[in-house]
Amino acid sequence: MFASLLPTCRSLWLALPLAVGLAAPAFAETITVTIEKLTFQPAEVKAKVGDTIQWVNKDVLAHSATARDKSFDVIQPPKKTVSQTLTRAGSFDYYCKYHPNMKGRLTVAP
């Protein structure tokens, strides 16, 4: 009796993820912003909530990535790498508070 139900049960289990709308998980990315010769490279970055920005300071000076709206302030010691995971969507203009001519823009999608 149960042997005849097995093919039907197996089909239901295979169809269940499609019926409830399960999708493959989204993977967060790591995006590198290099600080070199008093510039952010690239100066404009597009990312998603959950992604990580890896700030790589190749200069011999300390720098910061300071949002104009004060939502983040990442300090990068000379010749060091600092990571920041993005937690909210929006467009953020940022600069180095030690060298205000250094500017960038981070756009974070939900």
Protein backbone atom coordinates (compact mmCIF):
# COMPACT_ATOMS: atom_id res chain seq x y z
CA MET A 1 0.00 0.00 0.00
CA PHE A 2 2.70 2.52 0.98
CA ALA A 3 4.88 1.58 -1.99
CA SER A 4 2.24 2.94 -4.35
CA LEU A 5 2.22 6.31 -2.51
CA LEU A 6 5.99 6.85 -2.72
CA PRO A 7 6.10 8.27 -6.27
CA THR A 8 3.28 10.71 -5.41
CA CYS A 9 4.94 11.82 -2.15
CA ARG A 10 8.28 12.34 -3.87
CA SER A 11 6.66 14.56 -6.51
CA LEU A 12 5.03 16.66 -3.78
CA TRP A 13 8.33 17.14 -1.94
CA LEU A 14 10.04 18.23 -5.13
CA ALA A 15 7.23 20.68 -5.95
CA LEU A 16 6.95 22.13 -2.43
CA PRO A 17 9.87 24.62 -2.68
CA LEU A 18 8.42 25.98 -5.93
CA ALA A 19 4.95 26.32 -4.45
CA VAL A 20 6.06 28.30 -1.39
CA GLY A 21 8.37 30.54 -3.40
CA LEU A 22 11.70 29.52 -1.91
CA ALA A 23 14.59 31.14 -3.71
CA ALA A 24 18.30 30.68 -3.59
CA PRO A 25 19.88 32.86 -0.90
CA ALA A 26 21.45 36.12 -2.02
CA PHE A 27 25.17 36.33 -1.45
CA ALA A 28 26.79 39.42 -0.03
CA GLU A 29 29.74 40.85 -1.90
CA THR A 30 32.97 42.37 -0.71
CA ILE A 31 33.75 45.60 -2.52
CA THR A 32 37.23 47.09 -2.30
CA VAL A 33 37.83 50.84 -2.16
CA THR A 34 41.54 51.61 -2.38
CA ILE A 35 42.93 54.79 -0.88
CA GLU A 36 46.07 55.80 -2.71
CA LYS A 37 47.71 59.13 -3.49
CA LEU A 38 45.00 60.97 -1.52
CA THR A 39 42.10 59.58 -3.58
CA PHE A 40 39.33 56.99 -3.13
CA GLN A 41 39.40 54.49 -6.00
CA PRO A 42 36.74 54.03 -7.24
CA ALA A 43 35.22 57.32 -6.13
CA GLU A 44 31.67 56.04 -6.78
CA VAL A 45 30.54 52.67 -5.44
CA LYS A 46 27.23 50.83 -5.84
CA ALA A 47 26.44 48.12 -3.30
CA LYS A 48 23.58 46.37 -1.50
CA VAL A 49 22.61 46.11 2.14
CA GLY A 50 24.65 43.23 3.57
CA ASP A 51 27.66 43.84 1.33
CA THR A 52 31.01 44.67 2.90
CA ILE A 53 33.21 47.59 1.91
CA GLN A 54 36.89 46.83 2.35
CA TRP A 55 38.78 50.11 2.74
CA VAL A 56 42.43 49.51 1.74
CA ASN A 57 44.73 52.38 2.70
CA LYS A 58 47.91 52.22 0.64
CA ASP A 59 49.06 55.67 1.74
CA VAL A 60 51.51 56.42 4.55
CA LEU A 61 48.91 58.76 6.09
CA ALA A 62 45.79 57.95 8.10
CA HIS A 63 42.49 58.56 6.34
CA SER A 64 38.78 58.36 7.09
CA ALA A 65 35.64 57.65 5.13
CA THR A 66 33.24 59.99 6.89
CA ALA A 67 29.65 60.29 5.69
CA ARG A 68 28.42 63.85 5.31
CA ASP A 69 25.21 62.84 7.13
CA LYS A 70 27.33 61.32 9.97
CA SER A 71 25.89 57.82 9.36
CA PHE A 72 29.39 56.28 9.29
CA ASP A 73 32.94 57.27 10.11
CA VAL A 74 35.55 54.66 9.22
CA ILE A 75 39.14 55.39 10.24
CA GLN A 76 41.88 53.77 8.14
CA PRO A 77 45.38 53.71 9.66
CA PRO A 78 48.31 53.95 7.24
CA LYS A 79 48.96 50.79 5.22
CA LYS A 80 45.98 48.98 6.80
CA THR A 81 42.65 47.50 5.66
CA VAL A 82 39.37 48.13 7.48
CA SER A 83 36.03 46.46 6.70
CA GLN A 84 32.52 47.87 7.04
CA THR A 85 29.30 45.88 6.52
CA LEU A 86 26.50 47.96 5.01
CA THR A 87 23.33 47.94 7.09
CA ARG A 88 21.08 50.52 5.46
CA ALA A 89 20.09 51.66 2.00
CA GLY A 90 20.62 55.15 0.66
CA SER A 91 23.08 57.43 -1.10
CA PHE A 92 25.97 58.63 1.02
CA ASP A 93 28.48 61.29 0.09
CA TYR A 94 31.66 60.82 2.10
CA TYR A 95 35.05 62.46 2.50
CA CYS A 96 38.28 62.12 4.47
CA LYS A 97 38.05 64.31 7.55
CA TYR A 98 41.86 64.65 7.57
CA HIS A 99 42.03 65.55 3.86
CA PRO A 100 38.64 67.11 2.92
CA ASN A 101 39.51 67.26 -0.79
CA MET A 102 39.21 63.43 -0.84
CA LYS A 103 35.57 62.66 -1.74
CA GLY A 104 33.44 59.70 -2.73
CA ARG A 105 29.86 58.51 -3.08
CA LEU A 106 28.37 55.24 -1.86
CA THR A 107 24.96 54.14 -3.16
CA VAL A 108 23.43 51.24 -1.24
CA ALA A 109 20.39 49.41 -2.63
CA PRO A 110 18.04 47.46 -0.33
